[in-house]
Amino acid sequence: MNTLLPAAVFFDAYGTLIHYPETPSPFDYMTDVMGRLGYTIPRVSLDEALKTEMGYYKAHFSSVQSETDLKQLRASGAKVYVGALSEWVDGNPELGVIEEELAAAFQTRMLPGAESAIDFVRRSGVRTGVLSNFAYMLPLVLAEVGLRKVLDPIVVSASTGYEKPDPRIFAAAAAAVDADTCDCVLIGDDLTNDVKGAQASGMPVVWLQRDGKVQQFTGSGIAIARSLDEAVQMAVGEQWRTLSACV
């Protein structure tokens, strides 16, 4: 192996490459949708219906492994949502439209700098992957934002049976690229799951702290980046091996 470069750079998913929508909130979004569809429903009832749909989705999304599974879950979720509003919604509830709007309300967004950061690593000749505490459906989520084809492997806790910060999921990620943990780098935003987990496994790590937000940490020796661009330059720079205690 070329020791001048890591075997792979793994990115955490949510909070690092992608995130959920913040503005408008899903609650505001669906309130607007139901108004546009001609329904007059108290806001408190709309919010409770969405919470019911969210609970249903959360209880079932871990089994999603294909686009068909995801489509079926979204269709079922729309029925749950409309069912929770049965006092106000009857006749033709336009389930297909509501299904699409619910998906849009929770549509994952790509964080700034994600594409260029991944491209930088790939152009450096280093594999780019994802290491995430997530269900089987993460590749589908990444496909929807246009990142699936540039990230391989995608290692999720659902398939490994371990969640960060457990060192075993870091070992699984390294094994997926036929390397040792010391020869890969993780970029993540969570101090416990990403940083401390990587350190415990021996994987070099860059702690991503965007927007000038500084989380308190009493230890030392952690590489901190303020942007993905800065993080990937650390990850494939000449000093990448200094990001961990590995020798």
Protein backbone atom coordinates (compact mmCIF):
# COMPACT_ATOMS: atom_id res chain seq x y z
CA MET A 1 0.00 0.00 0.00
CA ASN A 2 1.09 3.56 -0.68
CA THR A 3 1.70 4.77 2.86
CA LEU A 4 1.75 8.38 1.66
CA LEU A 5 -2.05 8.18 1.41
CA PRO A 6 -4.72 6.51 3.52
CA ALA A 7 -6.46 3.44 2.16
CA ALA A 8 -9.80 5.21 2.45
CA VAL A 9 -11.49 8.27 3.85
CA PHE A 10 -14.81 7.53 5.53
CA PHE A 11 -17.38 10.24 6.13
CA ASP A 12 -20.05 10.19 8.78
CA ALA A 13 -23.44 10.69 7.09
CA TYR A 14 -25.90 12.90 9.00
CA GLY A 15 -24.37 16.11 10.24
CA THR A 16 -21.32 15.65 8.03
CA LEU A 17 -22.50 15.06 4.45
CA ILE A 18 -26.28 15.32 4.75
CA HIS A 19 -28.95 16.62 7.10
CA TYR A 20 -32.69 16.86 7.60
CA PRO A 21 -34.52 20.03 6.49
CA GLU A 22 -34.70 22.80 9.07
CA THR A 23 -36.59 25.54 7.21
CA PRO A 24 -39.44 25.13 6.66
CA SER A 25 -39.94 22.51 9.33
CA PRO A 26 -41.86 19.41 8.26
CA PHE A 27 -44.74 20.63 10.43
CA ASP A 28 -44.90 24.01 8.70
CA TYR A 29 -44.49 22.34 5.32
CA MET A 30 -47.39 19.92 5.78
CA THR A 31 -49.62 22.63 7.21
CA ASP A 32 -49.08 24.60 4.01
CA VAL A 33 -49.67 21.48 1.88
CA MET A 34 -53.01 20.63 3.48
CA GLY A 35 -54.12 24.24 3.12
CA ARG A 36 -53.23 24.22 -0.57
CA LEU A 37 -55.21 21.01 -0.99
CA GLY A 38 -58.26 22.82 0.34
CA TYR A 39 -58.50 21.40 3.85
CA THR A 40 -59.25 23.55 6.90
CA ILE A 41 -57.77 21.68 9.83
CA PRO A 42 -56.62 22.98 13.24
CA ARG A 43 -52.85 23.26 13.43
CA VAL A 44 -52.71 21.15 16.57
CA SER A 45 -54.45 18.31 14.76
CA LEU A 46 -52.12 18.59 11.77
CA ASP A 47 -49.09 18.44 14.04
CA GLU A 48 -50.43 15.42 15.93
CA ALA A 49 -51.15 13.62 12.67
CA LEU A 50 -47.59 14.22 11.48
CA LYS A 51 -46.19 12.98 14.79
CA THR A 52 -48.27 9.82 14.34
CA GLU A 53 -46.88 9.33 10.82
CA MET A 54 -43.35 9.95 12.08
CA GLY A 55 -43.79 7.35 14.79
CA TYR A 56 -45.02 4.83 12.23
CA TYR A 57 -42.08 5.58 9.93
CA LYS A 58 -39.57 5.28 12.74
CA ALA A 59 -41.01 1.93 13.78
CA HIS A 60 -40.70 0.47 10.26
CA PHE A 61 -37.83 2.15 8.39
CA SER A 62 -35.16 -0.19 9.76
CA SER A 63 -36.43 -2.97 7.48
CA VAL A 64 -36.19 -0.90 4.27
CA GLN A 65 -33.57 -2.35 1.93
CA SER A 66 -34.82 -1.45 -1.55
CA GLU A 67 -36.56 1.30 -3.48
CA THR A 68 -39.72 -0.83 -3.48
CA ASP A 69 -39.57 -1.13 0.30
CA LEU A 70 -39.15 2.62 0.63
CA LYS A 71 -42.04 3.32 -1.74
CA GLN A 72 -44.30 0.98 0.22
CA LEU A 73 -43.32 2.56 3.54
CA ARG A 74 -44.05 6.04 2.23
CA ALA A 75 -47.42 4.92 0.85
CA SER A 76 -48.32 3.32 4.18
CA GLY A 77 -47.15 6.42 6.03
CA ALA A 78 -49.45 8.61 3.91
CA LYS A 79 -52.39 6.39 4.84
CA VAL A 80 -51.47 6.66 8.51
CA TYR A 81 -51.27 10.45 8.21
CA VAL A 82 -54.64 10.75 6.47
CA GLY A 83 -56.17 8.26 8.89
CA ALA A 84 -55.12 10.47 11.80
CA LEU A 85 -57.02 13.32 10.11
CA SER A 86 -60.15 11.33 9.35
CA GLU A 87 -62.33 13.84 11.21
CA TRP A 88 -61.49 16.45 8.57
CA VAL A 89 -60.40 14.42 5.55
CA ASP A 90 -62.89 12.19 3.75
CA GLY A 91 -63.84 11.24 0.20
CA ASN A 92 -60.78 11.45 -2.08
CA PRO A 93 -57.83 12.35 0.18
CA GLU A 94 -55.36 12.49 -2.75
CA LEU A 95 -53.12 9.91 -1.14
CA GLY A 96 -50.59 9.97 -3.98
CA VAL A 97 -50.09 13.72 -3.62
CA ILE A 98 -49.87 13.53 0.17
CA GLU A 99 -47.34 10.70 -0.10
CA GLU A 100 -45.13 12.83 -2.36
CA GLU A 101 -45.49 15.88 -0.11
CA LEU A 102 -44.61 13.92 3.02
CA ALA A 103 -41.46 12.69 1.29
CA ALA A 104 -40.64 16.27 0.31
CA ALA A 105 -41.25 17.50 3.87
CA PHE A 106 -38.53 15.17 5.15
CA GLN A 107 -36.29 15.24 2.08
CA THR A 108 -32.67 14.94 3.12
CA ARG A 109 -30.44 17.83 2.05
CA MET A 110 -26.79 17.73 1.09
CA LEU A 111 -24.62 19.87 3.33
CA PRO A 112 -22.40 22.59 1.80
CA GLY A 113 -19.08 21.34 0.51
CA ALA A 114 -20.04 17.65 0.43
CA GLU A 115 -19.63 17.14 -3.30
CA SER A 116 -16.37 19.06 -3.59
CA ALA A 117 -14.91 17.31 -0.52
CA ILE A 118 -15.70 13.87 -1.89
CA ASP A 119 -14.32 14.87 -5.29
CA PHE A 120 -11.10 16.11 -3.69
CA VAL A 121 -10.53 12.75 -1.98
CA ARG A 122 -11.33 10.78 -5.12
CA ARG A 123 -9.01 12.90 -7.26
CA SER A 124 -6.28 12.21 -4.71
CA GLY A 125 -6.60 8.54 -5.57
CA VAL A 126 -8.18 7.58 -2.24
CA ARG A 127 -11.39 5.61 -1.80
CA THR A 128 -14.32 7.49 -0.31
CA GLY A 129 -16.85 5.73 1.88
CA VAL A 130 -19.45 6.29 4.58
CA LEU A 131 -19.44 5.00 8.13
CA SER A 132 -22.77 5.69 9.82
CA ASN A 133 -25.10 4.64 12.60
CA PHE A 134 -28.04 4.08 10.29
CA ALA A 135 -30.45 1.55 8.81
CA TYR A 136 -30.07 -0.41 5.58
CA MET A 137 -31.77 2.39 3.65
CA LEU A 138 -28.85 4.85 3.84
CA PRO A 139 -27.70 4.07 0.25
CA LEU A 140 -31.22 5.00 -0.92
CA VAL A 141 -31.04 8.28 0.99
CA LEU A 142 -27.63 9.07 -0.49
CA ALA A 143 -28.93 8.21 -3.96
CA GLU A 144 -31.72 10.75 -3.59
CA VAL A 145 -29.23 13.55 -2.95
CA GLY A 146 -26.88 12.40 -5.72
CA LEU A 147 -24.04 11.00 -3.61
CA ARG A 148 -24.54 7.25 -3.84
CA LYS A 149 -22.35 6.69 -6.91
CA VAL A 150 -19.32 8.48 -5.45
CA LEU A 151 -19.29 6.70 -2.09
CA ASP A 152 -18.15 3.11 -1.71
CA PRO A 153 -18.31 1.30 0.62
CA ILE A 154 -21.30 2.43 2.65
CA VAL A 155 -20.96 0.83 6.08
CA VAL A 156 -24.00 1.11 8.36
CA SER A 157 -24.66 -0.16 11.85
CA ALA A 158 -27.70 -2.13 10.66
CA SER A 159 -25.55 -4.41 8.54
CA THR A 160 -22.56 -4.73 10.88
CA GLY A 161 -24.54 -5.21 14.06
CA TYR A 162 -22.51 -2.56 15.88
CA GLU A 163 -22.95 1.18 16.35
CA LYS A 164 -20.32 3.86 16.70
CA PRO A 165 -18.49 4.33 19.07
CA ASP A 166 -18.05 0.54 19.22
CA PRO A 167 -14.58 -0.19 17.76
CA ARG A 168 -15.99 -3.17 15.88
CA ILE A 169 -17.87 -1.02 13.37
CA PHE A 170 -14.65 0.87 12.61
CA ALA A 171 -12.89 -2.45 12.08
CA ALA A 172 -15.70 -3.52 9.75
CA ALA A 173 -15.28 -0.35 7.70
CA ALA A 174 -11.54 -0.90 7.37
CA ALA A 175 -12.07 -4.54 6.43
CA ALA A 176 -14.45 -3.42 3.68
CA VAL A 177 -11.48 -1.77 1.94
CA ASP A 178 -9.02 -4.55 2.88
CA ALA A 179 -7.13 -2.31 5.27
CA ASP A 180 -6.37 -1.81 8.96
CA THR A 181 -8.16 0.87 10.95
CA CYS A 182 -4.85 2.72 11.29
CA ASP A 183 -4.72 3.08 7.51
CA CYS A 184 -8.12 4.76 7.10
CA VAL A 185 -9.41 8.19 8.15
CA LEU A 186 -12.83 9.17 9.49
CA ILE A 187 -14.34 12.64 9.16
CA GLY A 188 -17.26 13.20 11.52
CA ASP A 189 -19.06 15.80 13.61
CA ASP A 190 -19.95 13.81 16.74
CA LEU A 191 -17.45 13.87 19.59
CA THR A 192 -18.52 10.59 21.16
CA ASN A 193 -19.56 8.44 18.22
CA ASP A 194 -17.07 9.68 15.65
CA VAL A 195 -14.06 11.11 17.44
CA LYS A 196 -13.82 8.99 20.57
CA GLY A 197 -15.01 5.92 18.69
CA ALA A 198 -12.34 6.33 16.04
CA GLN A 199 -9.65 6.96 18.62
CA ALA A 200 -10.60 3.82 20.54
CA SER A 201 -10.37 1.78 17.35
CA GLY A 202 -7.07 3.30 16.23
CA MET A 203 -8.56 5.05 13.20
CA PRO A 204 -7.23 8.55 12.43
CA VAL A 205 -10.04 11.09 12.72
CA VAL A 206 -10.85 14.70 11.88
CA TRP A 207 -13.48 16.36 14.03
CA LEU A 208 -15.73 18.57 11.87
CA GLN A 209 -17.04 21.66 13.67
CA ARG A 210 -18.87 23.92 11.25
CA ASP A 211 -20.05 27.52 11.53
CA GLY A 212 -17.60 28.47 14.24
CA LYS A 213 -19.32 26.23 16.77
CA VAL A 214 -16.81 24.95 19.27
CA GLN A 215 -17.82 21.97 21.40
CA GLN A 216 -16.11 21.67 24.74
CA PHE A 217 -13.55 18.91 25.09
CA THR A 218 -11.14 18.41 27.96
CA GLY A 219 -8.69 16.18 26.10
CA SER A 220 -6.07 17.05 23.54
CA GLY A 221 -4.61 15.91 20.28
CA ILE A 222 -7.77 16.08 18.17
CA ALA A 223 -7.57 17.55 14.70
CA ILE A 224 -10.43 20.03 14.23
CA ALA A 225 -11.68 21.28 10.86
CA ARG A 226 -14.12 24.15 10.35
CA SER A 227 -15.28 22.93 6.95
CA LEU A 228 -15.34 19.77 4.87
CA ASP A 229 -12.81 21.32 2.55
CA GLU A 230 -10.37 21.78 5.44
CA ALA A 231 -11.18 18.30 6.77
CA VAL A 232 -10.37 16.44 3.56
CA GLN A 233 -7.12 18.34 3.14
CA MET A 234 -6.11 17.06 6.57
CA ALA A 235 -7.31 13.55 5.74
CA VAL A 236 -5.20 13.14 2.61
CA GLY A 237 -2.44 15.59 3.44
CA GLU A 238 1.15 14.64 4.14
CA GLN A 239 0.54 14.56 7.89
CA TRP A 240 -2.58 12.35 7.85
CA ARG A 241 -0.92 9.68 9.99
CA THR A 242 -0.48 12.19 12.81
CA LEU A 243 -4.28 12.22 13.19
CA SER A 244 -4.06 9.11 15.37
CA ALA A 245 -1.73 7.39 17.83
CA CYS A 246 -1.07 4.56 15.37
CA VAL A 247 2.54 3.90 14.52
